[in-house]
C-alpha atoms as a PDB file:
ATOM      1  CA  MET A   1       0.000   0.000   0.000  1.00  0.00           C
ATOM      2  CA  ASP A   2       1.103   3.566  -0.628  1.00  0.00           C
ATOM      3  CA  ALA A   3       1.067   6.397   1.906  1.00  0.00           C
ATOM      4  CA  ALA A   4      -2.504   7.410   1.083  1.00  0.00           C
ATOM      5  CA  ALA A   5      -3.747   3.845   1.541  1.00  0.00           C
ATOM      6  CA  TRP A   6      -1.988   3.587   4.911  1.00  0.00           C
ATOM      7  CA  ASP A   7      -3.473   6.937   5.941  1.00  0.00           C
ATOM      8  CA  ASP A   8      -6.917   5.537   5.189  1.00  0.00           C
ATOM      9  CA  HIS A   9      -6.132   2.268   6.983  1.00  0.00           C
ATOM     10  CA  TYR A  10      -4.937   4.015  10.145  1.00  0.00           C
ATOM     11  CA  ALA A  11      -7.844   6.491  10.090  1.00  0.00           C
ATOM     12  CA  HIS A  12     -10.534   3.827  10.449  1.00  0.00           C
ATOM     13  CA  THR A  13      -9.418   2.238  13.726  1.00  0.00           C
ATOM     14  CA  GLU A  14      -8.125   3.462  17.060  1.00  0.00           C
ATOM     15  CA  LEU A  15      -4.791   1.576  17.014  1.00  0.00           C
ATOM     16  CA  VAL A  16      -4.333  -0.956  14.216  1.00  0.00           C
ATOM     17  CA  TRP A  17      -1.509  -2.863  15.932  1.00  0.00           C
ATOM     18  CA  GLY A  18      -2.491  -2.128  19.531  1.00  0.00           C
ATOM     19  CA  ALA A  19      -0.450  -0.202  22.080  1.00  0.00           C
ATOM     20  CA  PRO A  20       2.074  -2.800  23.346  1.00  0.00           C
ATOM     21  CA  PRO A  21       5.380  -3.169  21.473  1.00  0.00           C
ATOM     22  CA  ASN A  22       6.327  -6.298  19.562  1.00  0.00           C
ATOM     23  CA  ASP A  23       7.315  -9.001  22.070  1.00  0.00           C
ATOM     24  CA  THR A  24      10.315 -10.241  20.087  1.00  0.00           C
ATOM     25  CA  LEU A  25      11.669  -6.726  19.707  1.00  0.00           C
ATOM     26  CA  VAL A  26      11.334  -6.163  23.462  1.00  0.00           C
ATOM     27  CA  GLU A  27      13.145  -9.423  24.201  1.00  0.00           C
ATOM     28  CA  GLN A  28      16.018  -8.579  21.871  1.00  0.00           C
ATOM     29  CA  VAL A  29      16.410  -4.957  22.982  1.00  0.00           C
ATOM     30  CA  PHE A  30      16.407  -5.934  26.661  1.00  0.00           C
ATOM     31  CA  GLY A  31      19.289  -8.282  25.837  1.00  0.00           C
ATOM     32  CA  LEU A  32      21.427  -5.468  24.408  1.00  0.00           C
ATOM     33  CA  GLU A  33      24.168  -3.717  26.291  1.00  0.00           C
ATOM     34  CA  ARG A  34      23.043  -0.113  25.973  1.00  0.00           C
ATOM     35  CA  ARG A  35      25.974   2.009  24.901  1.00  0.00           C
ATOM     36  CA  LEU A  36      26.036   5.790  25.013  1.00  0.00           C
ATOM     37  CA  PRO A  37      26.901   7.506  21.727  1.00  0.00           C
ATOM     38  CA  VAL A  38      30.602   7.808  21.045  1.00  0.00           C
ATOM     39  CA  ALA A  39      30.426   9.489  17.646  1.00  0.00           C
ATOM     40  CA  GLY A  40      28.172  11.360  15.271  1.00  0.00           C
ATOM     41  CA  PHE A  41      28.225  14.843  16.771  1.00  0.00           C
ATOM     42  CA  GLY A  42      30.246  17.765  15.557  1.00  0.00           C
ATOM     43  CA  ILE A  43      32.814  19.967  17.227  1.00  0.00           C
ATOM     44  CA  GLY A  44      31.130  22.040  19.903  1.00  0.00           C
ATOM     45  CA  GLU A  45      27.949  19.962  19.887  1.00  0.00           C
ATOM     46  CA  PRO A  46      26.954  18.415  23.209  1.00  0.00           C
ATOM     47  CA  ARG A  47      27.355  14.664  23.426  1.00  0.00           C
ATOM     48  CA  PRO A  48      23.933  12.954  23.320  1.00  0.00           C
ATOM     49  CA  GLU A  49      22.952  11.667  26.740  1.00  0.00           C
ATOM     50  CA  LEU A  50      20.943   8.703  25.468  1.00  0.00           C
ATOM     51  CA  PRO A  51      21.621   5.967  22.909  1.00  0.00           C
ATOM     52  CA  ARG A  52      19.945   6.676  19.585  1.00  0.00           C
ATOM     53  CA  VAL A  53      17.556   4.426  17.678  1.00  0.00           C
ATOM     54  CA  LEU A  54      16.061   4.740  14.206  1.00  0.00           C
ATOM     55  CA  ASP A  55      12.609   3.151  13.896  1.00  0.00           C
ATOM     56  CA  LEU A  56      11.994   2.504  10.190  1.00  0.00           C
ATOM     57  CA  GLY A  57       8.304   2.289   9.323  1.00  0.00           C
ATOM     58  CA  CYS A  58       7.168   3.184  12.833  1.00  0.00           C
ATOM     59  CA  GLY A  59       3.448   3.172  11.985  1.00  0.00           C
ATOM     60  CA  GLU A  60       1.507   4.430  15.000  1.00  0.00           C
ATOM     61  CA  GLY A  61       4.638   4.375  17.121  1.00  0.00           C
ATOM     62  CA  ARG A  62       4.087   1.444  19.472  1.00  0.00           C
ATOM     63  CA  ASN A  63       7.759   0.379  19.389  1.00  0.00           C
ATOM     64  CA  ALA A  64       9.050   3.964  19.364  1.00  0.00           C
ATOM     65  CA  LEU A  65       7.015   4.821  22.453  1.00  0.00           C
ATOM     66  CA  TRP A  66       8.278   1.767  24.318  1.00  0.00           C
ATOM     67  CA  LEU A  67      11.885   2.533  23.398  1.00  0.00           C
ATOM     68  CA  ALA A  68      11.536   6.132  24.559  1.00  0.00           C
ATOM     69  CA  THR A  69      10.161   5.038  27.928  1.00  0.00           C
ATOM     70  CA  HIS A  70      13.184   2.745  28.306  1.00  0.00           C
ATOM     71  CA  GLY A  71      15.865   5.357  27.826  1.00  0.00           C
ATOM     72  CA  TRP A  72      16.412   5.635  24.069  1.00  0.00           C
ATOM     73  CA  HIS A  73      16.241   8.721  21.904  1.00  0.00           C
ATOM     74  CA  VAL A  74      14.096   7.703  18.936  1.00  0.00           C
ATOM     75  CA  ASP A  75      13.858   8.957  15.368  1.00  0.00           C
ATOM     76  CA  ALA A  76      10.510   7.460  14.312  1.00  0.00           C
ATOM     77  CA  VAL A  77       9.913   7.442  10.546  1.00  0.00           C
ATOM     78  CA  ASP A  78       6.843   6.567   8.506  1.00  0.00           C
ATOM     79  CA  TYR A  79       5.280   7.923   5.324  1.00  0.00           C
ATOM     80  CA  SER A  80       1.769   7.853   6.788  1.00  0.00           C
ATOM     81  CA  GLN A  81       0.993  11.235   8.341  1.00  0.00           C
ATOM     82  CA  VAL A  82      -2.063   9.706  10.030  1.00  0.00           C
ATOM     83  CA  GLY A  83       0.111   7.051  11.659  1.00  0.00           C
ATOM     84  CA  ILE A  84       2.606   9.686  12.822  1.00  0.00           C
ATOM     85  CA  ASP A  85      -0.187  11.877  14.223  1.00  0.00           C
ATOM     86  CA  LYS A  86      -1.640   8.938  16.149  1.00  0.00           C
ATOM     87  CA  GLY A  87       1.779   8.214  17.606  1.00  0.00           C
ATOM     88  CA  ARG A  88       2.069  11.836  18.721  1.00  0.00           C
ATOM     89  CA  THR A  89      -1.392  11.629  20.305  1.00  0.00           C
ATOM     90  CA  VAL A  90      -0.415   8.608  22.372  1.00  0.00           C
ATOM     91  CA  ALA A  91       2.897  10.248  23.300  1.00  0.00           C
ATOM     92  CA  ALA A  92       1.011  13.307  24.549  1.00  0.00           C
ATOM     93  CA  ARG A  93      -0.337  11.187  27.408  1.00  0.00           C
ATOM     94  CA  LEU A  94       3.197  10.391  28.600  1.00  0.00           C
ATOM     95  CA  SER A  95       5.565  12.497  30.655  1.00  0.00           C
ATOM     96  CA  ARG A  96       7.330  15.437  29.042  1.00  0.00           C
ATOM     97  CA  SER A  97      10.706  13.725  29.482  1.00  0.00           C
ATOM     98  CA  VAL A  98       9.515  10.716  27.486  1.00  0.00           C
ATOM     99  CA  ARG A  99       7.855  12.837  24.790  1.00  0.00           C
ATOM    100  CA  SER A 100      11.075  14.772  24.337  1.00  0.00           C
ATOM    101  CA  ARG A 101      12.925  11.578  23.452  1.00  0.00           C
ATOM    102  CA  ILE A 102      10.922  10.973  20.263  1.00  0.00           C
ATOM    103  CA  SER A 103      11.385  12.887  17.010  1.00  0.00           C
ATOM    104  CA  TRP A 104       8.594  12.082  14.564  1.00  0.00           C
ATOM    105  CA  HIS A 105       9.344  12.187  10.825  1.00  0.00           C
ATOM    106  CA  CYS A 106       6.751  11.786   8.073  1.00  0.00           C
ATOM    107  CA  ALA A 107       9.065  10.557   5.342  1.00  0.00           C
ATOM    108  CA  ASP A 108       9.723   7.730   2.912  1.00  0.00           C
ATOM    109  CA  VAL A 109      12.146   5.268   4.509  1.00  0.00           C
ATOM    110  CA  THR A 110      13.721   4.649   1.110  1.00  0.00           C
ATOM    111  CA  LYS A 111      14.700   8.363   0.947  1.00  0.00           C
ATOM    112  CA  LEU A 112      16.137   8.972   4.401  1.00  0.00           C
ATOM    113  CA  GLU A 113      18.561  11.649   3.224  1.00  0.00           C
ATOM    114  CA  SER A 114      15.618  13.894   2.252  1.00  0.00           C
ATOM    115  CA  ALA A 115      14.487  13.735   5.883  1.00  0.00           C
ATOM    116  CA  HIS A 116      18.040  14.582   7.040  1.00  0.00           C
ATOM    117  CA  LEU A 117      18.367  11.234   8.810  1.00  0.00           C
ATOM    118  CA  THR A 118      21.951  10.137   8.381  1.00  0.00           C
ATOM    119  CA  GLY A 119      22.934   8.607  11.732  1.00  0.00           C
ATOM    120  CA  PRO A 120      24.900   7.175  13.269  1.00  0.00           C
ATOM    121  CA  TYR A 121      22.560   5.173  15.493  1.00  0.00           C
ATOM    122  CA  GLU A 122      23.270   2.701  18.270  1.00  0.00           C
ATOM    123  CA  LEU A 123      20.172   0.716  17.191  1.00  0.00           C
ATOM    124  CA  ILE A 124      18.194   0.551  13.947  1.00  0.00           C
ATOM    125  CA  ILE A 125      14.954  -1.424  13.829  1.00  0.00           C
ATOM    126  CA  MET A 126      12.789  -2.479  10.919  1.00  0.00           C
ATOM    127  CA  SER A 127       9.642  -4.041  12.351  1.00  0.00           C
ATOM    128  CA  PHE A 128       7.093  -5.456   9.893  1.00  0.00           C
ATOM    129  CA  LEU A 129       8.185  -3.132   7.121  1.00  0.00           C
ATOM    130  CA  HIS A 130       7.609  -5.077   3.912  1.00  0.00           C
ATOM    131  CA  LEU A 131       9.177  -3.705   0.746  1.00  0.00           C
ATOM    132  CA  PRO A 132       9.979  -5.159  -2.684  1.00  0.00           C
ATOM    133  CA  ALA A 133      13.214  -7.142  -2.491  1.00  0.00           C
ATOM    134  CA  ASP A 134      15.382  -4.544  -4.261  1.00  0.00           C
ATOM    135  CA  GLN A 135      14.137  -1.719  -2.028  1.00  0.00           C
ATOM    136  CA  ARG A 136      14.529  -3.860   1.092  1.00  0.00           C
ATOM    137  CA  ARG A 137      18.108  -4.741   0.158  1.00  0.00           C
ATOM    138  CA  ALA A 138      19.012  -1.114  -0.504  1.00  0.00           C
ATOM    139  CA  LEU A 139      17.476   0.002   2.793  1.00  0.00           C
ATOM    140  CA  LEU A 140      19.282  -2.679   4.794  1.00  0.00           C
ATOM    141  CA  LEU A 141      22.633  -1.764   3.253  1.00  0.00           C
ATOM    142  CA  ARG A 142      21.931   1.924   3.908  1.00  0.00           C
ATOM    143  CA  SER A 143      20.998   1.080   7.492  1.00  0.00           C
ATOM    144  CA  ALA A 144      24.195  -0.898   8.011  1.00  0.00           C
ATOM    145  CA  GLY A 145      26.142   2.182   6.989  1.00  0.00           C
ATOM    146  CA  MET A 146      24.227   4.318   9.505  1.00  0.00           C
ATOM    147  CA  LEU A 147      25.080   2.138  12.501  1.00  0.00           C
ATOM    148  CA  SER A 148      27.556   3.407  15.068  1.00  0.00           C
ATOM    149  CA  TRP A 149      30.419   1.167  16.155  1.00  0.00           C
ATOM    150  CA  GLU A 150      29.002  -1.505  18.484  1.00  0.00           C
ATOM    151  CA  GLY A 151      25.548  -0.725  17.085  1.00  0.00           C
ATOM    152  CA  THR A 152      22.771  -3.243  16.385  1.00  0.00           C
ATOM    153  CA  LEU A 153      20.492  -3.793  13.392  1.00  0.00           C
ATOM    154  CA  LEU A 154      17.232  -5.584  14.235  1.00  0.00           C
ATOM    155  CA  ILE A 155      14.824  -6.751  11.534  1.00  0.00           C
ATOM    156  CA  ILE A 156      11.584  -8.618  12.122  1.00  0.00           C
ATOM    157  CA  GLY A 157       8.677  -9.254   9.772  1.00  0.00           C
ATOM    158  CA  ASN A 158       6.370 -11.854   8.315  1.00  0.00           C
ATOM    159  CA  ASP A 159       8.327 -14.861   7.062  1.00  0.00           C
ATOM    160  CA  SER A 160       7.556 -16.324   3.644  1.00  0.00           C
ATOM    161  CA  LEU A 161       6.353 -19.500   5.388  1.00  0.00           C
ATOM    162  CA  ASN A 162       3.690 -17.476   7.179  1.00  0.00           C
ATOM    163  CA  LEU A 163       1.705 -17.313   3.968  1.00  0.00           C
ATOM    164  CA  THR A 164       1.021 -21.080   3.972  1.00  0.00           C
ATOM    165  CA  GLU A 165       1.857 -22.272   7.480  1.00  0.00           C
ATOM    166  CA  GLY A 166       1.222 -19.246   9.678  1.00  0.00           C
ATOM    167  CA  TYR A 167      -1.545 -16.723  10.167  1.00  0.00           C
ATOM    168  CA  GLY A 168      -2.383 -13.186   9.047  1.00  0.00           C
ATOM    169  CA  GLY A 169       0.172 -10.597   8.080  1.00  0.00           C
ATOM    170  CA  GLU A 170       1.373  -9.505   4.650  1.00  0.00           C
ATOM    171  CA  GLN A 171      -0.234 -11.569   1.874  1.00  0.00           C
ATOM    172  CA  ASP A 172       1.896 -10.538  -1.100  1.00  0.00           C
ATOM    173  CA  PRO A 173       4.635 -13.200  -1.556  1.00  0.00           C
ATOM    174  CA  ALA A 174       6.876 -10.630  -3.262  1.00  0.00           C
ATOM    175  CA  LEU A 175       7.019  -8.590  -0.038  1.00  0.00           C
ATOM    176  CA  LEU A 176       7.772 -11.457   2.328  1.00  0.00           C
ATOM    177  CA  PHE A 177      11.257 -12.661   3.266  1.00  0.00           C
ATOM    178  CA  THR A 178      13.157 -15.350   5.137  1.00  0.00           C
ATOM    179  CA  PRO A 179      16.140 -15.121   7.502  1.00  0.00           C
ATOM    180  CA  ASP A 180      18.336 -16.341   4.642  1.00  0.00           C
ATOM    181  CA  ASP A 181      17.012 -13.542   2.428  1.00  0.00           C
ATOM    182  CA  LEU A 182      18.053 -10.983   5.037  1.00  0.00           C
ATOM    183  CA  VAL A 183      21.512 -12.519   5.401  1.00  0.00           C
ATOM    184  CA  GLY A 184      21.855 -12.416   1.617  1.00  0.00           C
ATOM    185  CA  ASP A 185      20.774  -8.766   1.524  1.00  0.00           C
ATOM    186  CA  LEU A 186      23.608  -7.912   3.914  1.00  0.00           C
ATOM    187  CA  ALA A 187      26.238 -10.032   2.155  1.00  0.00           C
ATOM    188  CA  PRO A 188      28.006  -6.971   0.610  1.00  0.00           C
ATOM    189  CA  VAL A 189      28.772  -5.724   4.153  1.00  0.00           C
ATOM    190  CA  SER A 190      29.372  -9.103   5.775  1.00  0.00           C
ATOM    191  CA  GLY A 191      32.894  -8.009   6.677  1.00  0.00           C
ATOM    192  CA  GLU A 192      31.491  -5.123   8.737  1.00  0.00           C
ATOM    193  CA  LEU A 193      28.543  -6.812  10.447  1.00  0.00           C
ATOM    194  CA  GLU A 194      28.366  -9.863  12.687  1.00  0.00           C
ATOM    195  CA  VAL A 195      25.038 -11.688  12.281  1.00  0.00           C
ATOM    196  CA  ARG A 196      24.085 -12.937  15.730  1.00  0.00           C
ATOM    197  CA  ILE A 197      20.585 -14.252  15.009  1.00  0.00           C
ATOM    198  CA  ALA A 198      18.971 -15.275  11.729  1.00  0.00           C
ATOM    199  CA  ASP A 199      15.992 -17.452  12.579  1.00  0.00           C
ATOM    200  CA  ARG A 200      12.248 -17.943  12.464  1.00  0.00           C
ATOM    201  CA  VAL A 201      10.108 -16.925  15.422  1.00  0.00           C
ATOM    202  CA  HIS A 202       6.612 -18.215  16.188  1.00  0.00           C
ATOM    203  CA  ARG A 203       4.248 -15.503  17.443  1.00  0.00           C
ATOM    204  CA  PRO A 204       0.931 -16.463  19.082  1.00  0.00           C
ATOM    205  CA  THR A 205      -2.199 -14.894  17.577  1.00  0.00           C
ATOM    206  CA  GLU A 206      -5.937 -15.267  18.194  1.00  0.00           C
ATOM    207  CA  GLU A 207      -6.033 -18.190  15.727  1.00  0.00           C
ATOM    208  CA  ARG A 208      -2.678 -19.959  15.432  1.00  0.00           C
ATOM    209  CA  ASP A 209       0.977 -18.992  15.509  1.00  0.00           C
ATOM    210  CA  ALA A 210       2.229 -16.494  12.980  1.00  0.00           C
ATOM    211  CA  ILE A 211       5.737 -17.116  11.638  1.00  0.00           C
ATOM    212  CA  ASP A 212       8.167 -14.213  11.623  1.00  0.00           C
ATOM    213  CA  ALA A 213      11.692 -13.858  10.250  1.00  0.00           C
ATOM    214  CA  LEU A 214      14.198 -12.317  12.660  1.00  0.00           C
ATOM    215  CA  LEU A 215      17.699 -11.020  12.073  1.00  0.00           C
ATOM    216  CA  VAL A 216      19.930  -9.336  14.648  1.00  0.00           C
ATOM    217  CA  ALA A 217      23.319  -8.067  13.486  1.00  0.00           C
ATOM    218  CA  HIS A 218      26.077  -6.289  15.392  1.00  0.00           C
ATOM    219  CA  LYS A 219      28.681  -3.847  14.072  1.00  0.00           C
ATOM    220  CA  PRO A 220      31.872  -4.496  16.048  1.00  0.00           C
ATOM    221  CA  ALA A 221      34.376  -1.717  16.552  1.00  0.00           C
ATOM    222  CA  PRO A 222      37.433  -1.980  14.302  1.00  0.00           C
ATOM    223  CA  ALA A 223      40.509  -3.634  15.772  1.00  0.00           C
ATOM    224  CA  PRO A 224      43.158  -1.141  16.867  1.00  0.00           C
ATOM    225  CA  PRO A 225      46.168  -0.716  14.590  1.00  0.00           C
ATOM    226  CA  ALA A 226      48.955  -3.219  15.197  1.00  0.00           C
ATOM    227  CA  GLU A 227      51.250  -0.540  16.585  1.00  0.00           C
ATOM    228  CA  LEU A 228      48.660   0.580  19.135  1.00  0.00           C
ATOM    229  CA  ALA A 229      47.875  -2.986  20.115  1.00  0.00           C
ATOM    230  CA  ALA A 230      51.600  -3.637  20.659  1.00  0.00           C
ATOM    231  CA  LEU A 231      51.918  -0.537  22.847  1.00  0.00           C
ATOM    232  CA  GLU A 232      48.866  -1.545  24.885  1.00  0.00           C
ATOM    233  CA  GLY A 233      50.365  -4.994  25.333  1.00  0.00           C
ATOM    234  CA  ALA A 234      53.640  -3.492  26.506  1.00  0.00           C
ATOM    235  CA  ASP A 235      51.785  -1.260  28.969  1.00  0.00           C
ATOM    236  CA  GLN A 236      49.947  -4.243  30.390  1.00  0.00           C
ATOM    237  CA  LEU A 237      53.227  -6.137  30.732  1.00  0.00           C
ATOM    238  CA  ALA A 238      54.795  -3.189  32.554  1.00  0.00           C
ATOM    239  CA  LEU A 239      51.840  -2.953  34.909  1.00  0.00           C
ATOM    240  CA  GLY A 240      52.068  -6.657  35.617  1.00  0.00           C
ATOM    241  CA  SER A 241      55.780  -6.395  36.405  1.00  0.00           C
ATOM    242  CA  SER A 242      55.194  -3.501  38.844  1.00  0.00           C
ATOM    243  CA  ASP A 243      53.090  -5.790  41.025  1.00  0.00           C
ATOM    244  CA  HIS A 244      56.282  -7.569  42.050  1.00  0.00           C
ATOM    245  CA  LEU A 245      58.287  -4.457  42.971  1.00  0.00           C
ATOM    246  CA  ASP A 246      59.058  -3.746  46.632  1.00  0.00           C
ATOM    247  CA  ILE A 247      58.200  -0.144  47.330  1.00  0.00           C
END
């Protein structure tokens, strides 16, 4: 569906996806070691006090709102203005400190530069955002480039098997994907990312389990240059030797 169709979809119900965040996303984010930003701000700019997350295709903001209440600064992006407005309405019921942690952007996730969203981010999530394969691949590679060192990319959506063995969700086979598809999308940057999870997840629904595809990838910091590593090793050796000195 295009932006106008999503506007219409969101306008006819209170909250299409409900208020609680996705359970799998919550489980994975709770398992992360939250790191404060170490880069991405210019000379003279104050260092951000909270880790930053980019929520791609935020819809009505259920995941963005949960992340903000748990100490993340969120850039929430969706091309449905109605979805964004509903997210803002829910956020208005929260404390000012939580509201201030969310920046809402009505924008096309495939054109992030036009929304001045360039990163880096400590976490990037793509939750049930279903795009044609070429657009999905381009967005994932763009997202990988926007991660900070030690950052995490988290993707979850309806698995291709869900169409025949699961329940509900996206019904266009061309927009579905598998964990292997996601790994393949990220193959050009496999030397920069460490895939930690690429698996199927069963999600209970009112009928039977839905089947989701989940990928969690980590961007490790680069190894220090050999000269620096040698100096650090020498320093450690010197410190160890000093333990045996009589002072």
